[in-house]
């Protein structure tokens, strides 16, 4: 199973590495300094969407996707972060539910993520927790 996850992350990294090596390198290295340097040098804000294989993702979602916990926490604590941002088809909270990261879901909720926020197609994080068969997430979201 670890091999599959490693291969999936490697594949994901290779697919986006050529087009966005600066932000990706910072995220994969869990380097706050490099990430902040990237944002400063490129005039980008913390809420930007970045293209990954033809689909836009919020930087916080990319940090989640590649399991960069240090940068996830750093981005989450940025005062300018918009937790309601939707880059393509899901909320940030929905991605955390999909990826099964209980601690990230809890951190997002504690930071003010709206568990009732709907994606453009009308789904909530609770809908996705049920869809992806995440019973712990269902309980956490129902308690909100």
N, C-alpha and C. Protein backbone atom coordinates (compact mmCIF):
# COMPACT_ATOMS: atom_id res chain seq x y z
N UNK A 1 0.82 -1.19 0.00
CA UNK A 1 0.00 0.00 0.00
C UNK A 1 0.87 1.26 0.00
N UNK A 2 1.95 1.25 0.81
CA UNK A 2 2.84 2.40 0.85
C UNK A 2 3.46 2.64 -0.52
N UNK A 3 3.77 1.57 -1.22
CA UNK A 3 4.35 1.70 -2.56
C UNK A 3 3.38 2.38 -3.51
N UNK A 4 2.11 2.01 -3.43
CA UNK A 4 1.10 2.64 -4.28
C UNK A 4 0.96 4.13 -3.99
N UNK A 5 0.95 4.47 -2.70
CA UNK A 5 0.85 5.88 -2.32
C UNK A 5 2.08 6.64 -2.80
N UNK A 6 3.25 6.07 -2.60
CA UNK A 6 4.49 6.71 -3.05
C UNK A 6 4.49 6.90 -4.55
N UNK A 7 4.07 5.88 -5.29
CA UNK A 7 4.01 5.99 -6.75
C UNK A 7 3.00 7.03 -7.18
N UNK A 8 1.88 7.11 -6.50
CA UNK A 8 0.86 8.09 -6.84
C UNK A 8 1.39 9.51 -6.60
N UNK A 9 2.06 9.72 -5.47
CA UNK A 9 2.63 11.04 -5.19
C UNK A 9 3.74 11.39 -6.17
N UNK A 10 4.57 10.41 -6.53
CA UNK A 10 5.63 10.64 -7.50
C UNK A 10 5.03 11.00 -8.85
N UNK A 11 4.03 10.28 -9.27
CA UNK A 11 3.35 10.54 -10.53
C UNK A 11 2.75 11.94 -10.53
N UNK A 12 2.08 12.28 -9.43
CA UNK A 12 1.49 13.61 -9.27
C UNK A 12 2.57 14.68 -9.35
N UNK A 13 3.67 14.45 -8.67
CA UNK A 13 4.77 15.41 -8.65
C UNK A 13 5.39 15.61 -10.02
N UNK A 14 5.62 14.51 -10.73
CA UNK A 14 6.21 14.61 -12.05
C UNK A 14 5.29 15.32 -13.03
N UNK A 15 4.01 15.09 -12.90
CA UNK A 15 3.05 15.69 -13.81
C UNK A 15 3.00 17.20 -13.67
N UNK A 16 3.21 17.72 -12.46
CA UNK A 16 3.11 19.15 -12.28
C UNK A 16 4.46 19.84 -12.11
N UNK A 17 5.51 19.07 -11.98
CA UNK A 17 6.83 19.63 -11.69
C UNK A 17 7.36 20.57 -12.74
N UNK A 18 7.18 20.24 -13.98
CA UNK A 18 7.75 21.05 -15.05
C UNK A 18 7.14 22.43 -15.12
N UNK A 19 5.84 22.53 -14.89
CA UNK A 19 5.18 23.81 -15.06
C UNK A 19 5.23 24.70 -13.83
N UNK A 20 5.44 24.14 -12.65
CA UNK A 20 5.32 24.91 -11.42
C UNK A 20 6.38 24.54 -10.40
N UNK A 21 7.59 24.35 -10.84
CA UNK A 21 8.60 23.78 -9.97
C UNK A 21 8.85 24.59 -8.70
N UNK A 22 8.73 25.91 -8.73
CA UNK A 22 9.03 26.69 -7.54
C UNK A 22 8.06 26.43 -6.40
N UNK A 23 6.76 26.57 -6.65
CA UNK A 23 5.81 26.33 -5.57
C UNK A 23 5.74 24.86 -5.21
N UNK A 24 5.87 24.00 -6.19
CA UNK A 24 5.82 22.57 -5.91
C UNK A 24 7.02 22.13 -5.08
N UNK A 25 8.19 22.62 -5.44
CA UNK A 25 9.40 22.26 -4.69
C UNK A 25 9.27 22.72 -3.24
N UNK A 26 8.75 23.92 -3.04
CA UNK A 26 8.58 24.43 -1.68
C UNK A 26 7.58 23.59 -0.90
N UNK A 27 6.48 23.23 -1.55
CA UNK A 27 5.46 22.44 -0.87
C UNK A 27 5.98 21.04 -0.55
N UNK A 28 6.60 20.39 -1.52
CA UNK A 28 7.11 19.04 -1.28
C UNK A 28 8.20 19.00 -0.23
N UNK A 29 8.99 20.06 -0.15
CA UNK A 29 10.08 20.11 0.83
C UNK A 29 9.60 20.55 2.21
N UNK A 30 8.31 20.89 2.32
CA UNK A 30 7.78 21.40 3.58
C UNK A 30 8.53 22.65 4.00
N UNK A 31 8.97 23.44 3.03
CA UNK A 31 9.81 24.60 3.32
C UNK A 31 9.00 25.89 3.34
N UNK A 32 8.72 26.38 4.54
CA UNK A 32 7.99 27.64 4.69
C UNK A 32 8.79 28.77 4.06
N UNK A 33 10.08 28.78 4.29
CA UNK A 33 10.93 29.86 3.76
C UNK A 33 10.86 29.90 2.23
N UNK A 34 11.03 28.74 1.59
CA UNK A 34 10.96 28.70 0.13
C UNK A 34 9.58 29.07 -0.38
N UNK A 35 8.56 28.62 0.30
CA UNK A 35 7.19 28.91 -0.10
C UNK A 35 6.91 30.41 -0.01
N UNK A 36 7.29 31.02 1.11
CA UNK A 36 7.10 32.45 1.27
C UNK A 36 7.91 33.23 0.23
N UNK A 37 9.12 32.75 -0.06
CA UNK A 37 9.92 33.37 -1.11
C UNK A 37 9.24 33.31 -2.46
N UNK A 38 8.65 32.17 -2.76
CA UNK A 38 7.91 32.03 -4.01
C UNK A 38 6.76 33.03 -4.07
N UNK A 39 5.98 33.13 -3.01
CA UNK A 39 4.85 34.06 -2.99
C UNK A 39 5.32 35.50 -3.16
N UNK A 40 6.36 35.86 -2.44
CA UNK A 40 6.87 37.23 -2.50
C UNK A 40 7.42 37.56 -3.88
N UNK A 41 8.26 36.69 -4.42
CA UNK A 41 8.91 36.95 -5.71
C UNK A 41 7.93 37.01 -6.87
N UNK A 42 6.85 36.26 -6.78
CA UNK A 42 5.91 36.19 -7.88
C UNK A 42 4.66 37.03 -7.66
N UNK A 43 4.60 37.76 -6.57
CA UNK A 43 3.46 38.62 -6.31
C UNK A 43 2.15 37.86 -6.18
N UNK A 44 2.23 36.59 -5.85
CA UNK A 44 1.03 35.77 -5.74
C UNK A 44 0.46 35.81 -4.34
N UNK A 45 -0.85 35.71 -4.27
CA UNK A 45 -1.46 35.69 -2.95
C UNK A 45 -1.69 34.26 -2.48
N UNK A 46 -1.98 34.11 -1.23
CA UNK A 46 -2.12 32.80 -0.60
C UNK A 46 -3.33 32.04 -1.13
N UNK A 47 -4.27 32.74 -1.75
CA UNK A 47 -5.51 32.12 -2.21
C UNK A 47 -5.48 31.75 -3.69
N UNK A 48 -4.32 31.77 -4.28
CA UNK A 48 -4.26 31.46 -5.71
C UNK A 48 -4.59 30.01 -6.00
N UNK A 49 -5.06 29.81 -7.21
CA UNK A 49 -5.29 28.47 -7.72
C UNK A 49 -4.14 28.14 -8.66
N UNK A 50 -3.63 26.92 -8.56
CA UNK A 50 -2.53 26.51 -9.43
C UNK A 50 -3.00 25.32 -10.27
N UNK A 51 -2.52 25.28 -11.49
CA UNK A 51 -2.91 24.23 -12.42
C UNK A 51 -2.14 22.95 -12.15
N UNK A 52 -2.87 21.87 -11.96
CA UNK A 52 -2.29 20.55 -11.76
C UNK A 52 -3.00 19.62 -12.74
N UNK A 53 -2.27 19.23 -13.77
CA UNK A 53 -2.81 18.33 -14.78
C UNK A 53 -4.13 18.83 -15.36
N UNK A 54 -4.20 20.13 -15.62
CA UNK A 54 -5.39 20.70 -16.24
C UNK A 54 -6.52 21.04 -15.30
N UNK A 55 -6.33 20.86 -14.01
CA UNK A 55 -7.35 21.22 -13.03
C UNK A 55 -6.74 22.18 -12.02
N UNK A 56 -7.49 23.19 -11.65
CA UNK A 56 -7.00 24.16 -10.68
C UNK A 56 -7.25 23.69 -9.26
N UNK A 57 -6.23 23.88 -8.42
CA UNK A 57 -6.32 23.56 -7.00
C UNK A 57 -5.83 24.75 -6.19
N UNK A 58 -6.44 24.98 -5.05
CA UNK A 58 -5.97 25.98 -4.10
C UNK A 58 -4.64 25.49 -3.55
N UNK A 59 -3.73 26.40 -3.23
CA UNK A 59 -2.43 26.01 -2.68
C UNK A 59 -2.58 25.17 -1.41
N UNK A 60 -3.57 25.47 -0.60
CA UNK A 60 -3.80 24.68 0.61
C UNK A 60 -4.16 23.24 0.26
N UNK A 61 -4.93 23.05 -0.80
CA UNK A 61 -5.30 21.70 -1.23
C UNK A 61 -4.08 20.95 -1.77
N UNK A 62 -3.19 21.66 -2.48
CA UNK A 62 -1.98 21.01 -2.99
C UNK A 62 -1.12 20.55 -1.81
N UNK A 63 -1.00 21.39 -0.79
CA UNK A 63 -0.24 21.00 0.41
C UNK A 63 -0.87 19.76 1.05
N UNK A 64 -2.17 19.72 1.07
CA UNK A 64 -2.90 18.55 1.59
C UNK A 64 -2.62 17.32 0.74
N UNK A 65 -2.70 17.51 -0.57
CA UNK A 65 -2.56 16.41 -1.52
C UNK A 65 -1.19 15.73 -1.45
N UNK A 66 -0.14 16.53 -1.26
CA UNK A 66 1.20 15.95 -1.20
C UNK A 66 1.68 15.73 0.25
N UNK A 67 0.73 15.86 1.17
CA UNK A 67 0.99 15.59 2.59
C UNK A 67 2.10 16.47 3.18
N UNK A 68 2.07 17.73 2.81
CA UNK A 68 3.01 18.70 3.34
C UNK A 68 2.37 19.38 4.56
N UNK A 69 2.47 18.72 5.70
CA UNK A 69 1.78 19.19 6.90
C UNK A 69 2.29 20.53 7.40
N UNK A 70 3.58 20.77 7.31
CA UNK A 70 4.14 22.04 7.75
C UNK A 70 3.55 23.19 6.96
N UNK A 71 3.51 23.05 5.64
CA UNK A 71 2.96 24.12 4.82
C UNK A 71 1.44 24.20 4.94
N UNK A 72 0.78 23.09 5.12
CA UNK A 72 -0.67 23.12 5.36
C UNK A 72 -0.95 24.02 6.56
N UNK A 73 -0.24 23.76 7.66
CA UNK A 73 -0.44 24.56 8.87
C UNK A 73 -0.06 26.02 8.65
N UNK A 74 1.02 26.25 7.92
CA UNK A 74 1.47 27.62 7.65
C UNK A 74 0.43 28.38 6.83
N UNK A 75 -0.05 27.77 5.77
CA UNK A 75 -1.05 28.43 4.92
C UNK A 75 -2.34 28.64 5.71
N UNK A 76 -2.74 27.66 6.48
CA UNK A 76 -3.97 27.74 7.27
C UNK A 76 -3.93 28.90 8.26
N UNK A 77 -2.75 29.20 8.77
CA UNK A 77 -2.61 30.28 9.75
C UNK A 77 -2.40 31.66 9.13
N UNK A 78 -2.38 31.75 7.82
CA UNK A 78 -2.22 33.02 7.14
C UNK A 78 -3.53 33.82 7.26
N UNK A 79 -3.42 35.06 7.74
CA UNK A 79 -4.61 35.89 7.95
C UNK A 79 -5.38 36.16 6.67
N UNK A 80 -4.72 36.13 5.54
CA UNK A 80 -5.37 36.44 4.27
C UNK A 80 -6.07 35.23 3.65
N UNK A 81 -5.95 34.06 4.27
CA UNK A 81 -6.53 32.84 3.72
C UNK A 81 -8.05 32.95 3.65
N UNK A 82 -8.59 32.59 2.50
CA UNK A 82 -10.04 32.55 2.30
C UNK A 82 -10.46 31.09 2.28
N UNK A 83 -11.04 30.62 3.37
CA UNK A 83 -11.45 29.22 3.47
C UNK A 83 -12.66 28.89 2.61
N UNK A 84 -13.28 29.91 2.02
CA UNK A 84 -14.43 29.67 1.14
C UNK A 84 -14.01 29.54 -0.32
N UNK A 85 -12.73 29.69 -0.60
CA UNK A 85 -12.24 29.65 -1.98
C UNK A 85 -12.53 28.30 -2.62
N UNK A 86 -12.97 28.36 -3.87
CA UNK A 86 -13.19 27.15 -4.67
C UNK A 86 -12.48 27.38 -5.99
N UNK A 87 -11.54 26.51 -6.31
CA UNK A 87 -10.79 26.68 -7.55
C UNK A 87 -11.45 25.95 -8.73
N UNK A 88 -12.04 24.82 -8.51
CA UNK A 88 -12.66 24.09 -9.61
C UNK A 88 -14.05 23.61 -9.20
N UNK A 89 -14.09 22.50 -8.48
CA UNK A 89 -15.39 21.90 -8.22
C UNK A 89 -15.67 21.53 -6.78
N UNK A 90 -14.73 21.79 -5.87
CA UNK A 90 -14.91 21.41 -4.47
C UNK A 90 -14.39 22.50 -3.54
N UNK A 91 -14.92 22.49 -2.33
CA UNK A 91 -14.39 23.38 -1.31
C UNK A 91 -13.11 22.77 -0.74
N UNK A 92 -12.35 23.58 -0.05
CA UNK A 92 -11.13 23.08 0.58
C UNK A 92 -11.47 21.98 1.58
N UNK A 93 -12.54 22.18 2.34
CA UNK A 93 -12.97 21.18 3.32
C UNK A 93 -13.36 19.87 2.63
N UNK A 94 -14.00 19.95 1.48
CA UNK A 94 -14.36 18.73 0.75
C UNK A 94 -13.13 17.93 0.34
N UNK A 95 -12.09 18.63 -0.10
CA UNK A 95 -10.85 17.92 -0.45
C UNK A 95 -10.25 17.23 0.77
N UNK A 96 -10.25 17.91 1.92
CA UNK A 96 -9.71 17.30 3.13
C UNK A 96 -10.51 16.04 3.50
N UNK A 97 -11.82 16.10 3.33
CA UNK A 97 -12.67 14.93 3.59
C UNK A 97 -12.33 13.81 2.60
N UNK A 98 -12.24 14.15 1.33
CA UNK A 98 -11.94 13.15 0.30
C UNK A 98 -10.62 12.45 0.56
N UNK A 99 -9.60 13.22 0.95
CA UNK A 99 -8.28 12.64 1.19
C UNK A 99 -8.20 11.91 2.53
N UNK A 100 -9.25 12.02 3.34
CA UNK A 100 -9.32 11.25 4.58
C UNK A 100 -8.46 11.76 5.71
N UNK A 101 -8.13 13.02 5.69
CA UNK A 101 -7.25 13.59 6.71
C UNK A 101 -8.08 14.18 7.86
N UNK A 102 -8.33 13.36 8.87
CA UNK A 102 -9.17 13.78 9.99
C UNK A 102 -8.60 15.02 10.68
N UNK A 103 -7.30 15.02 10.94
CA UNK A 103 -6.71 16.17 11.65
C UNK A 103 -6.83 17.44 10.82
N UNK A 104 -6.72 17.33 9.51
CA UNK A 104 -6.86 18.51 8.66
C UNK A 104 -8.30 19.00 8.64
N UNK A 105 -9.24 18.09 8.61
CA UNK A 105 -10.65 18.48 8.67
C UNK A 105 -10.91 19.22 9.98
N UNK A 106 -10.41 18.68 11.08
CA UNK A 106 -10.59 19.33 12.38
C UNK A 106 -9.93 20.71 12.41
N UNK A 107 -8.75 20.82 11.85
CA UNK A 107 -8.06 22.12 11.82
C UNK A 107 -8.82 23.12 10.96
N UNK A 108 -9.32 22.68 9.82
CA UNK A 108 -10.09 23.57 8.95
C UNK A 108 -11.35 24.07 9.66
N UNK A 109 -12.04 23.16 10.32
CA UNK A 109 -13.25 23.55 11.05
C UNK A 109 -12.92 24.52 12.18
N UNK A 110 -11.84 24.26 12.91
CA UNK A 110 -11.43 25.14 14.00
C UNK A 110 -11.03 26.52 13.48
N UNK A 111 -10.51 26.57 12.25
CA UNK A 111 -10.10 27.84 11.66
C UNK A 111 -11.28 28.60 11.05
N UNK A 112 -12.45 27.96 11.03
CA UNK A 112 -13.64 28.65 10.54
C UNK A 112 -14.19 28.18 9.22
N UNK A 113 -13.71 27.07 8.70
CA UNK A 113 -14.27 26.53 7.46
C UNK A 113 -15.74 26.21 7.70
N UNK A 114 -16.58 26.57 6.75
CA UNK A 114 -18.02 26.37 6.86
C UNK A 114 -18.39 24.98 6.37
N UNK A 115 -18.80 24.11 7.28
CA UNK A 115 -19.16 22.75 6.90
C UNK A 115 -20.43 22.69 6.05
N UNK A 116 -21.18 23.78 6.02
CA UNK A 116 -22.40 23.85 5.20
C UNK A 116 -22.16 24.44 3.82
N UNK A 117 -20.95 24.92 3.56
CA UNK A 117 -20.65 25.51 2.25
C UNK A 117 -20.85 24.46 1.16
N UNK A 118 -21.47 24.89 0.09
CA UNK A 118 -21.74 23.97 -1.01
C UNK A 118 -20.77 24.20 -2.16
N UNK A 119 -20.42 23.13 -2.82
CA UNK A 119 -19.61 23.22 -4.04
C UNK A 119 -20.52 23.73 -5.16
N UNK A 120 -19.94 24.10 -6.30
CA UNK A 120 -20.76 24.59 -7.41
C UNK A 120 -21.88 23.62 -7.84
N UNK A 121 -21.68 22.33 -7.60
CA UNK A 121 -22.73 21.38 -7.98
C UNK A 121 -23.67 21.03 -6.82
N UNK A 122 -23.58 21.80 -5.73
CA UNK A 122 -24.54 21.66 -4.64
C UNK A 122 -24.22 20.63 -3.57
N UNK A 123 -22.98 20.14 -3.53
CA UNK A 123 -22.59 19.16 -2.51
C UNK A 123 -21.91 19.85 -1.33
N UNK A 124 -22.06 19.24 -0.16
CA UNK A 124 -21.38 19.74 1.04
C UNK A 124 -20.28 18.76 1.43
N UNK A 125 -19.50 19.14 2.42
CA UNK A 125 -18.45 18.24 2.93
C UNK A 125 -19.09 16.98 3.51
N UNK A 126 -20.24 17.13 4.15
CA UNK A 126 -20.94 15.97 4.71
C UNK A 126 -21.38 15.02 3.59
N UNK A 127 -21.87 15.58 2.50
CA UNK A 127 -22.25 14.74 1.34
C UNK A 127 -21.05 13.93 0.86
N UNK A 128 -19.89 14.58 0.80
CA UNK A 128 -18.69 13.88 0.34
C UNK A 128 -18.20 12.85 1.34
N UNK A 129 -18.34 13.13 2.63
CA UNK A 129 -17.95 12.15 3.65
C UNK A 129 -18.78 10.88 3.49
N UNK A 130 -20.05 11.05 3.19
CA UNK A 130 -20.91 9.89 2.95
C UNK A 130 -20.53 9.20 1.65
N UNK A 131 -20.29 9.99 0.60
CA UNK A 131 -19.94 9.44 -0.71
C UNK A 131 -18.67 8.60 -0.65
N UNK A 132 -17.65 9.09 0.06
CA UNK A 132 -16.36 8.41 0.14
C UNK A 132 -16.28 7.42 1.31
N UNK A 133 -17.42 7.18 1.95
CA UNK A 133 -17.51 6.22 3.05
C UNK A 133 -16.50 6.52 4.16
N UNK A 134 -16.60 7.73 4.69
CA UNK A 134 -15.72 8.20 5.76
C UNK A 134 -16.57 8.42 7.03
N UNK A 135 -16.89 7.35 7.75
CA UNK A 135 -17.80 7.48 8.90
C UNK A 135 -17.30 8.42 10.00
N UNK A 136 -16.01 8.46 10.24
CA UNK A 136 -15.49 9.37 11.26
C UNK A 136 -15.72 10.82 10.82
N UNK A 137 -15.50 11.09 9.55
CA UNK A 137 -15.74 12.44 9.02
C UNK A 137 -17.22 12.81 9.13
N UNK A 138 -18.09 11.84 8.86
CA UNK A 138 -19.52 12.09 8.97
C UNK A 138 -19.85 12.52 10.39
N UNK A 139 -19.33 11.81 11.37
CA UNK A 139 -19.57 12.16 12.78
C UNK A 139 -19.04 13.55 13.12
N UNK A 140 -17.82 13.84 12.68
CA UNK A 140 -17.22 15.15 12.96
C UNK A 140 -18.07 16.26 12.35
N UNK A 141 -18.48 16.08 11.12
CA UNK A 141 -19.25 17.12 10.43
C UNK A 141 -20.66 17.26 10.99
N UNK A 142 -21.26 16.17 11.44
CA UNK A 142 -22.60 16.24 12.03
C UNK A 142 -22.59 16.95 13.37
N UNK A 143 -21.43 16.95 14.05
CA UNK A 143 -21.32 17.58 15.36
C UNK A 143 -21.17 19.10 15.26
N UNK A 144 -20.96 19.60 14.08
CA UNK A 144 -20.75 21.03 13.90
C UNK A 144 -22.05 21.81 14.04
